[in-house]
PDB file of N, CA and C in Angstrom:
ATOM      1  N   MET A   1     113.112 -80.190  -1.119  1.00  0.00           N
ATOM      2  CA  MET A   1     114.339 -79.837  -1.773  1.00  0.00           C
ATOM      3  C   MET A   1     114.054 -78.743  -2.805  1.00  0.00           C
ATOM      4  N   PRO A   2     114.839 -77.584  -2.751  1.00  0.00           N
ATOM      5  CA  PRO A   2     114.591 -76.513  -3.704  1.00  0.00           C
ATOM      6  C   PRO A   2     115.017 -76.909  -5.111  1.00  0.00           C
ATOM      7  N   THR A   3     114.445 -76.218  -6.063  1.00  0.00           N
ATOM      8  CA  THR A   3     114.727 -76.513  -7.459  1.00  0.00           C
ATOM      9  C   THR A   3     116.176 -76.207  -7.820  1.00  0.00           C
ATOM     10  N   PHE A   4     116.673 -75.035  -7.365  1.00  0.00           N
ATOM     11  CA  PHE A   4     118.047 -74.638  -7.655  1.00  0.00           C
ATOM     12  C   PHE A   4     118.870 -74.712  -6.372  1.00  0.00           C
ATOM     13  N   GLN A   5     119.935 -75.446  -6.406  1.00  0.00           N
ATOM     14  CA  GLN A   5     120.779 -75.563  -5.232  1.00  0.00           C
ATOM     15  C   GLN A   5     121.685 -74.344  -5.097  1.00  0.00           C
ATOM     16  N   ARG A   6     122.044 -74.048  -3.868  1.00  0.00           N
ATOM     17  CA  ARG A   6     122.903 -72.887  -3.629  1.00  0.00           C
ATOM     18  C   ARG A   6     124.303 -73.111  -4.165  1.00  0.00           C
ATOM     19  N   ARG A   7     124.879 -74.244  -3.911  1.00  0.00           N
ATOM     20  CA  ARG A   7     126.243 -74.522  -4.360  1.00  0.00           C
ATOM     21  C   ARG A   7     126.205 -75.384  -5.616  1.00  0.00           C
ATOM     22  N   SER A   8     127.107 -75.021  -6.523  1.00  0.00           N
ATOM     23  CA  SER A   8     127.175 -75.842  -7.730  1.00  0.00           C
ATOM     24  C   SER A   8     128.014 -77.078  -7.425  1.00  0.00           C
ATOM     25  N   PHE A   9     127.825 -78.073  -8.221  1.00  0.00           N
ATOM     26  CA  PHE A   9     128.557 -79.320  -8.026  1.00  0.00           C
ATOM     27  C   PHE A   9     129.999 -79.124  -8.475  1.00  0.00           C
ATOM     28  N   PRO A  10     130.978 -79.304  -7.581  1.00  0.00           N
ATOM     29  CA  PRO A  10     132.369 -79.071  -7.979  1.00  0.00           C
ATOM     30  C   PRO A  10     132.884 -80.173  -8.889  1.00  0.00           C
ATOM     31  N   THR A  11     133.567 -79.758  -9.927  1.00  0.00           N
ATOM     32  CA  THR A  11     134.193 -80.738 -10.823  1.00  0.00           C
ATOM     33  C   THR A  11     135.586 -81.054 -10.311  1.00  0.00           C
ATOM     34  N   SER A  12     136.148 -82.112 -10.801  1.00  0.00           N
ATOM     35  CA  SER A  12     137.466 -82.530 -10.311  1.00  0.00           C
ATOM     36  C   SER A  12     138.556 -81.536 -10.715  1.00  0.00           C
ATOM     37  N   THR A  13     138.394 -80.838 -11.857  1.00  0.00           N
ATOM     38  CA  THR A  13     139.413 -79.879 -12.291  1.00  0.00           C
ATOM     39  C   THR A  13     139.299 -78.565 -11.525  1.00  0.00           C
ATOM     40  N   SER A  14     138.092 -78.158 -11.143  1.00  0.00           N
ATOM     41  CA  SER A  14     137.939 -76.873 -10.485  1.00  0.00           C
ATOM     42  C   SER A  14     138.295 -76.925  -9.000  1.00  0.00           C
ATOM     43  N   THR A  15     138.254 -78.057  -8.365  1.00  0.00           N
ATOM     44  CA  THR A  15     138.578 -78.123  -6.941  1.00  0.00           C
ATOM     45  C   THR A  15     140.068 -77.977  -6.692  1.00  0.00           C
ATOM     46  N   ASN A  16     140.892 -78.359  -7.635  1.00  0.00           N
ATOM     47  CA  ASN A  16     142.337 -78.273  -7.450  1.00  0.00           C
ATOM     48  C   ASN A  16     142.947 -77.033  -8.101  1.00  0.00           C
ATOM     49  N   ALA A  17     142.138 -76.210  -8.745  1.00  0.00           N
ATOM     50  CA  ALA A  17     142.654 -75.039  -9.450  1.00  0.00           C
ATOM     51  C   ALA A  17     143.057 -73.962  -8.445  1.00  0.00           C
ATOM     52  N   LEU A  18     144.055 -73.172  -8.802  1.00  0.00           N
ATOM     53  CA  LEU A  18     144.570 -72.113  -7.940  1.00  0.00           C
ATOM     54  C   LEU A  18     143.516 -71.033  -7.646  1.00  0.00           C
ATOM     55  N   PRO A  19     142.746 -70.577  -8.640  1.00  0.00           N
ATOM     56  CA  PRO A  19     141.727 -69.568  -8.317  1.00  0.00           C
ATOM     57  C   PRO A  19     140.689 -70.063  -7.311  1.00  0.00           C
ATOM     58  N   THR A  20     140.341 -71.313  -7.385  1.00  0.00           N
ATOM     59  CA  THR A  20     139.362 -71.863  -6.446  1.00  0.00           C
ATOM     60  C   THR A  20     139.944 -71.884  -5.033  1.00  0.00           C
ATOM     61  N   LYS A  21     141.181 -72.278  -4.910  1.00  0.00           N
ATOM     62  CA  LYS A  21     141.818 -72.296  -3.600  1.00  0.00           C
ATOM     63  C   LYS A  21     141.967 -70.878  -3.049  1.00  0.00           C
ATOM     64  N   TYR A  22     142.346 -69.942  -3.930  1.00  0.00           N
ATOM     65  CA  TYR A  22     142.498 -68.549  -3.494  1.00  0.00           C
ATOM     66  C   TYR A  22     141.165 -67.975  -3.034  1.00  0.00           C
ATOM     67  N   ARG A  23     140.102 -68.240  -3.784  1.00  0.00           N
ATOM     68  CA  ARG A  23     138.788 -67.722  -3.443  1.00  0.00           C
ATOM     69  C   ARG A  23     138.305 -68.264  -2.101  1.00  0.00           C
ATOM     70  N   SER A  24     138.544 -69.538  -1.842  1.00  0.00           N
ATOM     71  CA  SER A  24     138.112 -70.101  -0.559  1.00  0.00           C
ATOM     72  C   SER A  24     138.970 -69.553   0.577  1.00  0.00           C
ATOM     73  N   ALA A  25     140.276 -69.358   0.341  1.00  0.00           N
ATOM     74  CA  ALA A  25     141.131 -68.784   1.379  1.00  0.00           C
ATOM     75  C   ALA A  25     140.818 -67.304   1.589  1.00  0.00           C
ATOM     76  N   LEU A  26     140.382 -66.619   0.536  1.00  0.00           N
ATOM     77  CA  LEU A  26     140.030 -65.195   0.645  1.00  0.00           C
ATOM     78  C   LEU A  26     138.826 -65.004   1.553  1.00  0.00           C
ATOM     79  N   ASN A  27     137.891 -65.942   1.528  1.00  0.00           N
ATOM     80  CA  ASN A  27     136.728 -65.844   2.417  1.00  0.00           C
ATOM     81  C   ASN A  27     137.145 -65.986   3.882  1.00  0.00           C
ATOM     82  N   LYS A  28     138.198 -66.756   4.140  1.00  0.00           N
ATOM     83  CA  LYS A  28     138.649 -66.964   5.513  1.00  0.00           C
ATOM     84  C   LYS A  28     139.531 -65.819   6.012  1.00  0.00           C
ATOM     85  N   HIS A  29     140.413 -65.291   5.158  1.00  0.00           N
ATOM     86  CA  HIS A  29     141.371 -64.255   5.550  1.00  0.00           C
ATOM     87  C   HIS A  29     141.351 -63.111   4.530  1.00  0.00           C
ATOM     88  N   PRO A  30     140.334 -62.253   4.544  1.00  0.00           N
ATOM     89  CA  PRO A  30     140.230 -61.228   3.495  1.00  0.00           C
ATOM     90  C   PRO A  30     141.321 -60.156   3.568  1.00  0.00           C
ATOM     91  N   PHE A  31     141.694 -59.705   4.782  1.00  0.00           N
ATOM     92  CA  PHE A  31     142.695 -58.643   4.862  1.00  0.00           C
ATOM     93  C   PHE A  31     144.067 -59.153   4.445  1.00  0.00           C
ATOM     94  N   LEU A  32     144.403 -60.330   4.883  1.00  0.00           N
ATOM     95  CA  LEU A  32     145.727 -60.883   4.602  1.00  0.00           C
ATOM     96  C   LEU A  32     145.934 -61.137   3.110  1.00  0.00           C
ATOM     97  N   LEU A  33     144.899 -61.578   2.404  1.00  0.00           N
ATOM     98  CA  LEU A  33     145.050 -61.940   0.994  1.00  0.00           C
ATOM     99  C   LEU A  33     144.614 -60.853   0.009  1.00  0.00           C
ATOM    100  N   PHE A  34     143.893 -59.839   0.493  1.00  0.00           N
ATOM    101  CA  PHE A  34     143.478 -58.777  -0.418  1.00  0.00           C
ATOM    102  C   PHE A  34     143.923 -57.399   0.089  1.00  0.00           C
ATOM    103  N   GLY A  35     143.610 -57.074   1.323  1.00  0.00           N
ATOM    104  CA  GLY A  35     143.886 -55.746   1.866  1.00  0.00           C
ATOM    105  C   GLY A  35     145.362 -55.439   1.993  1.00  0.00           C
ATOM    106  N   LEU A  36     146.122 -56.365   2.565  1.00  0.00           N
ATOM    107  CA  LEU A  36     147.553 -56.143   2.767  1.00  0.00           C
ATOM    108  C   LEU A  36     148.310 -55.995   1.445  1.00  0.00           C
ATOM    109  N   PRO A  37     148.085 -56.841   0.433  1.00  0.00           N
ATOM    110  CA  PRO A  37     148.767 -56.604  -0.855  1.00  0.00           C
ATOM    111  C   PRO A  37     148.368 -55.281  -1.507  1.00  0.00           C
ATOM    112  N   PHE A  38     147.098 -54.898  -1.375  1.00  0.00           N
ATOM    113  CA  PHE A  38     146.635 -53.647  -1.967  1.00  0.00           C
ATOM    114  C   PHE A  38     147.323 -52.456  -1.311  1.00  0.00           C
ATOM    115  N   ILE A  39     147.359 -52.435   0.006  1.00  0.00           N
ATOM    116  CA  ILE A  39     147.989 -51.323   0.722  1.00  0.00           C
ATOM    117  C   ILE A  39     149.485 -51.288   0.436  1.00  0.00           C
ATOM    118  N   SER A  40     150.132 -52.452   0.387  1.00  0.00           N
ATOM    119  CA  SER A  40     151.571 -52.469   0.123  1.00  0.00           C
ATOM    120  C   SER A  40     151.881 -51.974  -1.295  1.00  0.00           C
ATOM    121  N   VAL A  41     151.048 -52.286  -2.267  1.00  0.00           N
ATOM    122  CA  VAL A  41     151.258 -51.776  -3.630  1.00  0.00           C
ATOM    123  C   VAL A  41     151.116 -50.256  -3.651  1.00  0.00           C
ATOM    124  N   MET A  42     150.140 -49.717  -2.927  1.00  0.00           N
ATOM    125  CA  MET A  42     149.956 -48.263  -2.882  1.00  0.00           C
ATOM    126  C   MET A  42     151.157 -47.574  -2.230  1.00  0.00           C
ATOM    127  N   VAL A  43     151.649 -48.108  -1.122  1.00  0.00           N
ATOM    128  CA  VAL A  43     152.775 -47.486  -0.421  1.00  0.00           C
ATOM    129  C   VAL A  43     154.054 -47.604  -1.243  1.00  0.00           C
ATOM    130  N   LEU A  44     154.345 -48.774  -1.789  1.00  0.00           N
ATOM    131  CA  LEU A  44     155.549 -48.941  -2.592  1.00  0.00           C
ATOM    132  C   LEU A  44     155.482 -48.121  -3.881  1.00  0.00           C
ATOM    133  N   GLY A  45     154.305 -48.028  -4.466  1.00  0.00           N
ATOM    134  CA  GLY A  45     154.138 -47.190  -5.655  1.00  0.00           C
ATOM    135  C   GLY A  45     154.449 -45.733  -5.354  1.00  0.00           C
ATOM    136  N   SER A  46     154.055 -45.278  -4.179  1.00  0.00           N
ATOM    137  CA  SER A  46     154.359 -43.909  -3.776  1.00  0.00           C
ATOM    138  C   SER A  46     155.864 -43.692  -3.687  1.00  0.00           C
ATOM    139  N   PHE A  47     156.580 -44.659  -3.106  1.00  0.00           N
ATOM    140  CA  PHE A  47     158.029 -44.520  -2.991  1.00  0.00           C
ATOM    141  C   PHE A  47     158.718 -44.581  -4.355  1.00  0.00           C
ATOM    142  N   PHE A  48     158.209 -45.376  -5.275  1.00  0.00           N
ATOM    143  CA  PHE A  48     158.828 -45.479  -6.592  1.00  0.00           C
ATOM    144  C   PHE A  48     158.504 -44.275  -7.472  1.00  0.00           C
ATOM    145  N   LEU A  49     157.347 -43.645  -7.265  1.00  0.00           N
ATOM    146  CA  LEU A  49     156.970 -42.506  -8.106  1.00  0.00           C
ATOM    147  C   LEU A  49     157.521 -41.174  -7.606  1.00  0.00           C
ATOM    148  N   THR A  50     158.000 -41.123  -6.369  1.00  0.00           N
ATOM    149  CA  THR A  50     158.548 -39.878  -5.831  1.00  0.00           C
ATOM    150  C   THR A  50     159.745 -39.369  -6.639  1.00  0.00           C
ATOM    151  N   PRO A  51     160.731 -40.203  -6.998  1.00  0.00           N
ATOM    152  CA  PRO A  51     161.836 -39.684  -7.825  1.00  0.00           C
ATOM    153  C   PRO A  51     161.386 -39.217  -9.204  1.00  0.00           C
ATOM    154  N   ALA A  52     160.412 -39.886  -9.778  1.00  0.00           N
ATOM    155  CA  ALA A  52     159.920 -39.466 -11.098  1.00  0.00           C
ATOM    156  C   ALA A  52     159.269 -38.090 -11.011  1.00  0.00           C
ATOM    157  N   THR A  53     158.521 -37.848  -9.951  1.00  0.00           N
ATOM    158  CA  THR A  53     157.892 -36.546  -9.763  1.00  0.00           C
ATOM    159  C   THR A  53     158.949 -35.476  -9.529  1.00  0.00           C
ATOM    160  N   ALA A  54     159.986 -35.808  -8.763  1.00  0.00           N
ATOM    161  CA  ALA A  54     161.063 -34.845  -8.519  1.00  0.00           C
ATOM    162  C   ALA A  54     161.764 -34.479  -9.821  1.00  0.00           C
ATOM    163  N   LEU A  55     161.988 -35.460 -10.690  1.00  0.00           N
ATOM    164  CA  LEU A  55     162.608 -35.172 -11.986  1.00  0.00           C
ATOM    165  C   LEU A  55     161.754 -34.235 -12.817  1.00  0.00           C
ATOM    166  N   ARG A  56     160.447 -34.431 -12.746  1.00  0.00           N
ATOM    167  CA  ARG A  56     159.530 -33.578 -13.513  1.00  0.00           C
ATOM    168  C   ARG A  56     159.648 -32.124 -13.061  1.00  0.00           C
ATOM    169  N   TYR A  57     159.649 -31.898 -11.744  1.00  0.00           N
ATOM    170  CA  TYR A  57     159.723 -30.529 -11.250  1.00  0.00           C
ATOM    171  C   TYR A  57     161.102 -29.916 -11.451  1.00  0.00           C
ATOM    172  N   GLU A  58     162.169 -30.725 -11.390  1.00  0.00           N
ATOM    173  CA  GLU A  58     163.506 -30.201 -11.661  1.00  0.00           C
ATOM    174  C   GLU A  58     163.638 -29.777 -13.118  1.00  0.00           C
ATOM    175  N   LYS A  59     163.058 -30.537 -14.020  1.00  0.00           N
ATOM    176  CA  LYS A  59     163.092 -30.174 -15.437  1.00  0.00           C
ATOM    177  C   LYS A  59     162.336 -28.865 -15.664  1.00  0.00           C
ATOM    178  N   HIS A  60     161.203 -28.717 -15.006  1.00  0.00           N
ATOM    179  CA  HIS A  60     160.423 -27.481 -15.126  1.00  0.00           C
ATOM    180  C   HIS A  60     161.200 -26.299 -14.564  1.00  0.00           C
ATOM    181  N   ASP A  61     161.899 -26.493 -13.444  1.00  0.00           N
ATOM    182  CA  ASP A  61     162.676 -25.410 -12.849  1.00  0.00           C
ATOM    183  C   ASP A  61     163.845 -25.000 -13.737  1.00  0.00           C
ATOM    184  N   ARG A  62     164.450 -25.950 -14.445  1.00  0.00           N
ATOM    185  CA  ARG A  62     165.538 -25.594 -15.361  1.00  0.00           C
ATOM    186  C   ARG A  62     165.022 -24.775 -16.536  1.00  0.00           C
ATOM    187  N   LYS A  63     163.807 -25.093 -16.982  1.00  0.00           N
ATOM    188  CA  LYS A  63     163.244 -24.401 -18.136  1.00  0.00           C
ATOM    189  C   LYS A  63     162.768 -22.992 -17.754  1.00  0.00           C
ATOM    190  N   VAL A  64     162.137 -22.859 -16.609  1.00  0.00           N
ATOM    191  CA  VAL A  64     161.590 -21.578 -16.162  1.00  0.00           C
ATOM    192  C   VAL A  64     162.457 -21.083 -15.012  1.00  0.00           C
ATOM    193  N   ARG A  65     163.183 -20.001 -15.242  1.00  0.00           N
ATOM    194  CA  ARG A  65     164.038 -19.476 -14.183  1.00  0.00           C
ATOM    195  C   ARG A  65     163.828 -17.975 -14.089  1.00  0.00           C
ATOM    196  N   GLN A  66     164.241 -17.411 -12.968  1.00  0.00           N
ATOM    197  CA  GLN A  66     164.063 -15.981 -12.758  1.00  0.00           C
ATOM    198  C   GLN A  66     165.166 -15.225 -13.497  1.00  0.00           C
ATOM    199  N   MET A  67     164.770 -14.163 -14.183  1.00  0.00           N
ATOM    200  CA  MET A  67     165.726 -13.383 -14.968  1.00  0.00           C
ATOM    201  C   MET A  67     166.115 -12.131 -14.204  1.00  0.00           C
ATOM    202  N   SER A  68     167.329 -11.670 -14.428  1.00  0.00           N
ATOM    203  CA  SER A  68     167.747 -10.410 -13.824  1.00  0.00           C
ATOM    204  C   SER A  68     167.120  -9.252 -14.602  1.00  0.00           C
ATOM    205  N   ARG A  69     167.224  -8.060 -14.048  1.00  0.00           N
ATOM    206  CA  ARG A  69     166.609  -6.899 -14.693  1.00  0.00           C
ATOM    207  C   ARG A  69     167.290  -6.606 -16.040  1.00  0.00           C
ATOM    208  N   ASP A  70     168.600  -6.751 -16.083  1.00  0.00           N
ATOM    209  CA  ASP A  70     169.323  -6.498 -17.343  1.00  0.00           C
ATOM    210  C   ASP A  70     168.937  -7.510 -18.409  1.00  0.00           C
ATOM    211  N   GLU A  71     168.768  -8.761 -18.019  1.00  0.00           N
ATOM    212  CA  GLU A  71     168.349  -9.783 -18.987  1.00  0.00           C
ATOM    213  C   GLU A  71     166.949  -9.496 -19.508  1.00  0.00           C
ATOM    214  N   ALA A  72     166.068  -9.042 -18.623  1.00  0.00           N
ATOM    215  CA  ALA A  72     164.694  -8.752 -19.034  1.00  0.00           C
ATOM    216  C   ALA A  72     164.656  -7.572 -20.000  1.00  0.00           C
ATOM    217  N   LEU A  73     165.480  -6.571 -19.762  1.00  0.00           N
ATOM    218  CA  LEU A  73     165.486  -5.414 -20.654  1.00  0.00           C
ATOM    219  C   LEU A  73     166.160  -5.733 -21.978  1.00  0.00           C
ATOM    220  N   GLY A  74     167.087  -6.667 -21.985  1.00  0.00           N
ATOM    221  CA  GLY A  74     167.813  -6.969 -23.209  1.00  0.00           C
ATOM    222  C   GLY A  74     167.331  -8.223 -23.911  1.00  0.00           C
ATOM    223  N   ILE A  75     166.056  -8.598 -23.694  1.00  0.00           N
ATOM    224  CA  ILE A  75     165.543  -9.821 -24.316  1.00  0.00           C
ATOM    225  C   ILE A  75     165.545  -9.708 -25.829  1.00  0.00           C
ATOM    226  N   GLY A  76     165.084  -8.588 -26.369  1.00  0.00           N
ATOM    227  CA  GLY A  76     165.091  -8.404 -27.820  1.00  0.00           C
ATOM    228  C   GLY A  76     166.515  -8.129 -28.284  1.00  0.00           C
ATOM    229  N   LYS A  77     167.114  -9.053 -28.987  1.00  0.00           N
ATOM    230  CA  LYS A  77     168.509  -8.890 -29.411  1.00  0.00           C
ATOM    231  C   LYS A  77     168.652  -7.738 -30.407  1.00  0.00           C
ATOM    232  N   ALA A  78     167.619  -7.513 -31.212  1.00  0.00           N
ATOM    233  CA  ALA A  78     167.696  -6.455 -32.212  1.00  0.00           C
ATOM    234  C   ALA A  78     167.355  -5.091 -31.615  1.00  0.00           C
ATOM    235  N   GLY A  79     166.785  -5.058 -30.423  1.00  0.00           N
ATOM    236  CA  GLY A  79     166.373  -3.795 -29.805  1.00  0.00           C
ATOM    237  C   GLY A  79     167.550  -3.007 -29.285  1.00  0.00           C
ATOM    238  N   ARG A  80     167.307  -1.746 -29.005  1.00  0.00           N
ATOM    239  CA  ARG A  80     168.385  -0.888 -28.511  1.00  0.00           C
ATOM    240  C   ARG A  80     168.535  -1.081 -27.008  1.00  0.00           C
ATOM    241  N   ARG A  81     169.654  -0.679 -26.479  1.00  0.00           N
ATOM    242  CA  ARG A  81     169.919  -0.764 -25.049  1.00  0.00           C
ATOM    243  C   ARG A  81     169.099   0.318 -24.350  1.00  0.00           C
ATOM    244  N   VAL A  82     168.398  -0.035 -23.301  1.00  0.00           N
ATOM    245  CA  VAL A  82     167.515   0.901 -22.616  1.00  0.00           C
ATOM    246  C   VAL A  82     168.222   1.453 -21.386  1.00  0.00           C
ATOM    247  N   ASP A  83     168.206   2.791 -21.280  1.00  0.00           N
ATOM    248  CA  ASP A  83     168.743   3.458 -20.102  1.00  0.00           C
ATOM    249  C   ASP A  83     167.569   4.138 -19.407  1.00  0.00           C
ATOM    250  N   MET A  84     167.358   3.819 -18.144  1.00  0.00           N
ATOM    251  CA  MET A  84     166.183   4.333 -17.438  1.00  0.00           C
ATOM    252  C   MET A  84     166.228   5.859 -17.301  1.00  0.00           C
ATOM    253  N   LYS A  85     167.386   6.434 -17.062  1.00  0.00           N
ATOM    254  CA  LYS A  85     167.481   7.897 -16.913  1.00  0.00           C
ATOM    255  C   LYS A  85     167.154   8.580 -18.238  1.00  0.00           C
ATOM    256  N   GLU A  86     167.663   8.022 -19.325  1.00  0.00           N
ATOM    257  CA  GLU A  86     167.391   8.611 -20.631  1.00  0.00           C
ATOM    258  C   GLU A  86     165.893   8.578 -20.947  1.00  0.00           C
ATOM    259  N   GLU A  87     165.241   7.462 -20.645  1.00  0.00           N
ATOM    260  CA  GLU A  87     163.802   7.347 -20.887  1.00  0.00           C
ATOM    261  C   GLU A  87     163.024   8.339 -20.020  1.00  0.00           C
ATOM    262  N   TYR A  88     163.463   8.535 -18.780  1.00  0.00           N
ATOM    263  CA  TYR A  88     162.785   9.459 -17.882  1.00  0.00           C
ATOM    264  C   TYR A  88     162.873  10.888 -18.398  1.00  0.00           C
ATOM    265  N   TYR A  89     164.066  11.290 -18.783  1.00  0.00           N
ATOM    266  CA  TYR A  89     164.230  12.670 -19.241  1.00  0.00           C
ATOM    267  C   TYR A  89     163.570  12.903 -20.591  1.00  0.00           C
ATOM    268  N   LYS A  90     163.492  11.888 -21.435  1.00  0.00           N
ATOM    269  CA  LYS A  90     162.775  12.008 -22.693  1.00  0.00           C
ATOM    270  C   LYS A  90     161.295  12.263 -22.433  1.00  0.00           C
ATOM    271  N   LEU A  91     160.741  11.557 -21.450  1.00  0.00           N
ATOM    272  CA  LEU A  91     159.329  11.721 -21.105  1.00  0.00           C
ATOM    273  C   LEU A  91     159.097  13.064 -20.421  1.00  0.00           C
ATOM    274  N   ALA A  92     160.044  13.490 -19.606  1.00  0.00           N
ATOM    275  CA  ALA A  92     159.903  14.760 -18.899  1.00  0.00           C
ATOM    276  C   ALA A  92     160.011  15.936 -19.867  1.00  0.00           C
ATOM    277  N   ALA A  93     160.699  15.773 -20.984  1.00  0.00           N
ATOM    278  CA  ALA A  93     160.854  16.857 -21.954  1.00  0.00           C
ATOM    279  C   ALA A  93     159.559  17.134 -22.706  1.00  0.00           C
ATOM    280  N   LYS A  94     158.683  16.154 -22.769  1.00  0.00           N
ATOM    281  CA  LYS A  94     157.410  16.362 -23.463  1.00  0.00           C
ATOM    282  C   LYS A  94     156.508  17.243 -22.598  1.00  0.00           C
ATOM    283  N   ASP A  95     155.650  17.983 -23.273  1.00  0.00           N
ATOM    284  CA  ASP A  95     154.716  18.846 -22.555  1.00  0.00           C
ATOM    285  C   ASP A  95     153.468  18.033 -22.219  1.00  0.00           C
ATOM    286  N   LEU A  96     153.418  17.485 -21.018  1.00  0.00           N
ATOM    287  CA  LEU A  96     152.309  16.630 -20.631  1.00  0.00           C
ATOM    288  C   LEU A  96     151.130  17.397 -20.045  1.00  0.00           C
ATOM    289  N   ASP A  97     151.328  18.706 -19.765  1.00  0.00           N
ATOM    290  CA  ASP A  97     150.239  19.476 -19.172  1.00  0.00           C
ATOM    291  C   ASP A  97     149.312  20.067 -20.230  1.00  0.00           C
ATOM    292  N   ASP A  98     149.749  20.156 -21.468  1.00  0.00           N
ATOM    293  CA  ASP A  98     148.950  20.775 -22.511  1.00  0.00           C
ATOM    294  C   ASP A  98     148.439  19.679 -23.454  1.00  0.00           C
ATOM    295  N   TRP A  99     147.276  19.151 -23.153  1.00  0.00           N
ATOM    296  CA  TRP A  99     146.697  18.126 -24.001  1.00  0.00           C
ATOM    297  C   TRP A  99     145.189  18.303 -24.040  1.00  0.00           C
ATOM    298  N   GLU A 100     144.562  17.708 -25.021  1.00  0.00           N
ATOM    299  CA  GLU A 100     143.122  17.846 -25.209  1.00  0.00           C
ATOM    300  C   GLU A 100     142.532  16.457 -25.419  1.00  0.00           C
ATOM    301  N   GLN A 101     141.429  16.218 -24.739  1.00  0.00           N
ATOM    302  CA  GLN A 101     140.783  14.923 -24.869  1.00  0.00           C
ATOM    303  C   GLN A 101     139.858  14.948 -26.081  1.00  0.00           C
ATOM    304  N   ARG A 102     140.019  13.987 -26.982  1.00  0.00           N
ATOM    305  CA  ARG A 102     139.189  13.898 -28.175  1.00  0.00           C
ATOM    306  C   ARG A 102     138.597  12.504 -28.274  1.00  0.00           C
ATOM    307  N   ARG A 103     137.374  12.430 -28.771  1.00  0.00           N
ATOM    308  CA  ARG A 103     136.750  11.135 -28.984  1.00  0.00           C
ATOM    309  C   ARG A 103     137.245  10.523 -30.287  1.00  0.00           C
ATOM    310  N   VAL A 104     137.354   9.243 -30.303  1.00  0.00           N
ATOM    311  CA  VAL A 104     137.795   8.527 -31.493  1.00  0.00           C
ATOM    312  C   VAL A 104     136.622   8.424 -32.452  1.00  0.00           C
ATOM    313  N   LYS A 105     136.878   8.639 -33.740  1.00  0.00           N
ATOM    314  CA  LYS A 105     135.820   8.495 -34.742  1.00  0.00           C
ATOM    315  C   LYS A 105     135.385   7.041 -34.793  1.00  0.00           C
ATOM    316  N   ARG A 106     134.082   6.829 -34.827  1.00  0.00           N
ATOM    317  CA  ARG A 106     133.521   5.483 -34.880  1.00  0.00           C
ATOM    318  C   ARG A 106     133.200   5.122 -36.318  1.00  0.00           C
ATOM    319  N   LEU A 107     133.202   3.813 -36.584  1.00  0.00           N
ATOM    320  CA  LEU A 107     132.789   3.335 -37.890  1.00  0.00           C
ATOM    321  C   LEU A 107     131.286   3.507 -38.033  1.00  0.00           C
ATOM    322  N   PRO A 108     130.795   3.598 -39.266  1.00  0.00           N
ATOM    323  CA  PRO A 108     129.331   3.751 -39.454  1.00  0.00           C
ATOM    324  C   PRO A 108     128.597   2.533 -38.893  1.00  0.00           C
ATOM    325  N   GLY A 109     127.583   2.782 -38.073  1.00  0.00           N
ATOM    326  CA  GLY A 109     126.778   1.715 -37.485  1.00  0.00           C
ATOM    327  C   GLY A 109     127.322   1.212 -36.167  1.00  0.00           C
ATOM    328  N   GLU A 110     128.507   1.635 -35.770  1.00  0.00           N
ATOM    329  CA  GLU A 110     129.100   1.190 -34.515  1.00  0.00           C
ATOM    330  C   GLU A 110     128.594   2.109 -33.397  1.00  0.00           C
ATOM    331  N   PRO A 111     128.167   1.534 -32.272  1.00  0.00           N
ATOM    332  CA  PRO A 111     127.680   2.391 -31.180  1.00  0.00           C
ATOM    333  C   PRO A 111     128.830   3.216 -30.613  1.00  0.00           C
ATOM    334  N   ASP A 112     128.540   4.482 -30.256  1.00  0.00           N
ATOM    335  CA  ASP A 112     129.603   5.357 -29.790  1.00  0.00           C
ATOM    336  C   ASP A 112     129.770   5.338 -28.275  1.00  0.00           C
ATOM    337  N   GLY A 113     128.929   4.642 -27.570  1.00  0.00           N
ATOM    338  CA  GLY A 113     129.089   4.503 -26.121  1.00  0.00           C
ATOM    339  C   GLY A 113     128.431   5.600 -25.328  1.00  0.00           C
ATOM    340  N   ILE A 114     127.765   6.531 -25.965  1.00  0.00           N
ATOM    341  CA  ILE A 114     127.061   7.601 -25.242  1.00  0.00           C
ATOM    342  C   ILE A 114     125.658   7.126 -24.960  1.00  0.00           C
ATOM    343  N   LEU A 115     125.249   7.276 -23.716  1.00  0.00           N
ATOM    344  CA  LEU A 115     123.894   6.835 -23.335  1.00  0.00           C
ATOM    345  C   LEU A 115     122.855   7.840 -23.667  1.00  0.00           C
TER     346      LEU A 115
END
């Protein structure tokens, strides 16, 4: 006879307890008592969380929407009204062909970028 027995001696309170009965039934039918409830919770949870996810994306869509060109140009309420033709002719009036490239003065000790 071995020193330590494999099974412990069952007490009268533990043999009638619900966890003991569940554990013994779980050994006989593992999928029915563990797998099926687990899978059903996952599937039902998916169905219950779908409307919550839809609400989240609908709220985001209400907050972020596509703006028209006029709305984009008039975002600054204090800014002036922009006319594309006026801006074009203002730029065309400048003499863009007569310019000279100059290097920016560097601070003392700052590398000037010349190799």
